[in-house]
Structures are given as C-alpha cells and as structure tokens.
Amino acid sequence: MGRITLDKVTKSFGDIQVIPPLDLTIDDGEFVVFVGPSGCGKSTLLRLIAGLEDVTTGQIRIDREDATHLPPAKRKLAMVFQSYALYPHMSVRKNIAFPLKMAGMDKAEQDRRIEAAAEVLNLTDYLDRRPGQLSGGQRQRVAIGRAIVREPAAFLFDEPLSNLDAALRVGMRLEISELHKRLTTTMIYVTHDQVEAMTMADKIVVLQAGRIEQVGTPLELYRTPRNIFVAGFIGSPKMNLIGGAEAAKHDAQTIGIRPEHLTISAEGGDWTGKVGVSEHLGSDTFFHVTVPGFAEPLTVRASGEVDLHYGDTVHLTPEMQHLHRFDAEGLRIE
C-alpha cells in the first residue's frame, strides 16, 4: 500500500513561507508528477514527504498512519536523487545491497531481492562491474535498483534524469514508466520538464510559488487548463496567448489557442501575418508568425513539409471549438 495524504501542510524557512497551506492525496499505485518552474517548491514538497525536511504545520499520512514526525527510515519510502550517489569502489551488486546490509537483512534474502531487481532493470550482466564501468543510464538504473530492493510503499524521484543526455532521457523515461507498470507501486516524480510530466504521469500536480495551480491527468491539463499559468506551462510548444481587442471580441481578457489548432493558408483567414523563423522537425513544422497588433508571434504547427519561407504573408484561422478564454484574474472562463 502506498497512499499518501497531505493535510494543510506548510513549510517556512524563518519568516519566509515557501509552501502555503496545501492539501493533496496520492492514491495507492499512482504515478504522480510534480512539475513547475525552478523555485516553485516541487523538490521541497518531495523532501517533506520523504522526511528530509520538517513540516512547519499540517499533517502527512502514509497509508493512514501519521508520518509527520517520523524519521525518513521509518516512512517505508525510497528516494532516487538527481545524482546517482553510488559508491565507486563497490560493485553494482554491493551498491544495490547496501541498504539491505545496513538493515541487517540475511544474505539469502539480500541475494533474492538483488537478483529480482537486476532482472527487472536489465542489470544482471553488470552486477560484478563497478559504477565507473557503466554508462550514465546504467548508473541511474543501479540507483533505482537500490531503491527497489527495499520494497517501499512508494518511490520518490527527484529530477532523476537531469544529468543524462537527450537520448538517454527518452530511454530512461520509458524504462521508469515500464517499471511502474510492472511494480504497480506508488511513484512521485519531480521534474521541471513538462514533456516528462505529460508522457509519464497518471496525474500531474502543477506548482507555482509553492501553491498547487491544478491537479489532473495530462490530457485534462492540456485540454482544460484552469488558468493562464497552466495554459502557458503545459504543452510544447506552449499555447499562444492573445490579449487586447482580439480577446475582447470573445468576452475575455486573454484568449489562448494551441499551435495545432491554427490553420495556415495562403489566403482568407481571421489573422494575417508574416512568417518568421521556421522549425522543421520532419513530421512537423512549427512556424512563428508575426501578426500586427499581437504582442508576441504566434506559433503554428503544420504537418510535414509546408512550402513557406521567411517573410511570406500567411493567413491564420483558429479552430473556435479549441479556443480558451481567461478573465482578468487569469482564470478559465467556461
């Protein structure tokens, strides 16, 4: 079991409150991602759950047991950090076994857990190697293996892929997602990368300045962002946000339209602009179009290769069923 509940949890450093009163429930077996810009409080929140930071006020419950003041070792949680924190002089086997040895577990049970974790993580052939003989992705798998053998109620991941290159990050995203499907254990994953959040999470918690802006499935946040912050943060490229007279026509302070919901054409259309920089990605092309009177260029997604060039005049038509409206407070208008 791995149900985690935060009830009016706050965290202050001196007179500065970095986590205002916060309520959150993470159900058993969920893969939950905390996402937000640097300094939004996501790692602090994870450390509160782990017991690495003290709660200022409020309560944390793990499987209905009050864990607010329990030390980390008593919380039945396993944490994987951004740095691998492996012992370079030890073999992979001994690195994975370390927490079990410290707990006084008998050798036979240690070996059983190590072999099982190594099989899940494709590390069986590397158990006798040292960390220096492994790739970055393999070392991160060893760190995850060290967490798996503890058989925790939940796994806590603090930006575990930040030190990997782009190709390895994609591979490890898939591996961690696959691991969750196999183990069906609660996982909480912290990242500033909203693409990681969208591709991995059952549920996303979007944070800003220590506050929860929205909680929901990836598609819920993408299709119905609660406010302008979520609208602009979730999605890559981000949603186009337009204010002024154009928004007023739609009885809003700001309107939003995603790049794939703009039709680009040589004539006709609601808005006329000039093509700026184009990003050709093979299957998709993103055009940045400057429209007179709009504060920022609009990003338009087109499939495949489109014969447009820098400086061309184009016409854009938003798909009205996908138009988002926000009021003066930045909140969604239904």
Foldseek 3Di string as FASTA:
>chain_A
DWKKWWAQWWDDDVPRTQAGGDTDIDDWLFEEEEAEAPSQCPVVVLCQLQQVDQTPDTFMDTVNHTCRNPHNVPQLEAEQEQDLPFDQVQFLLCRLLVVVVVVVHDPVLSVVLLVVLCVLLVNPVRRGPGPVVDDPLVSSSSSVSSRVSSVGQEYEYENNCPVDDPVSVVVVLVSVLVVSVVSSHHYYHYDNDLVSVLVRGQKYFYGGSNYTQDIDHLVCLQQPPFFPVSQQRHDVVGWDKWADPVLVVVVARIKTARQAQKDKALDDADFKFFWADWDADAQKIWTFTDTPPTPGTHIHIDGGDDPHDGGRMMHIHGPVVRMWGAHPVRGTDD
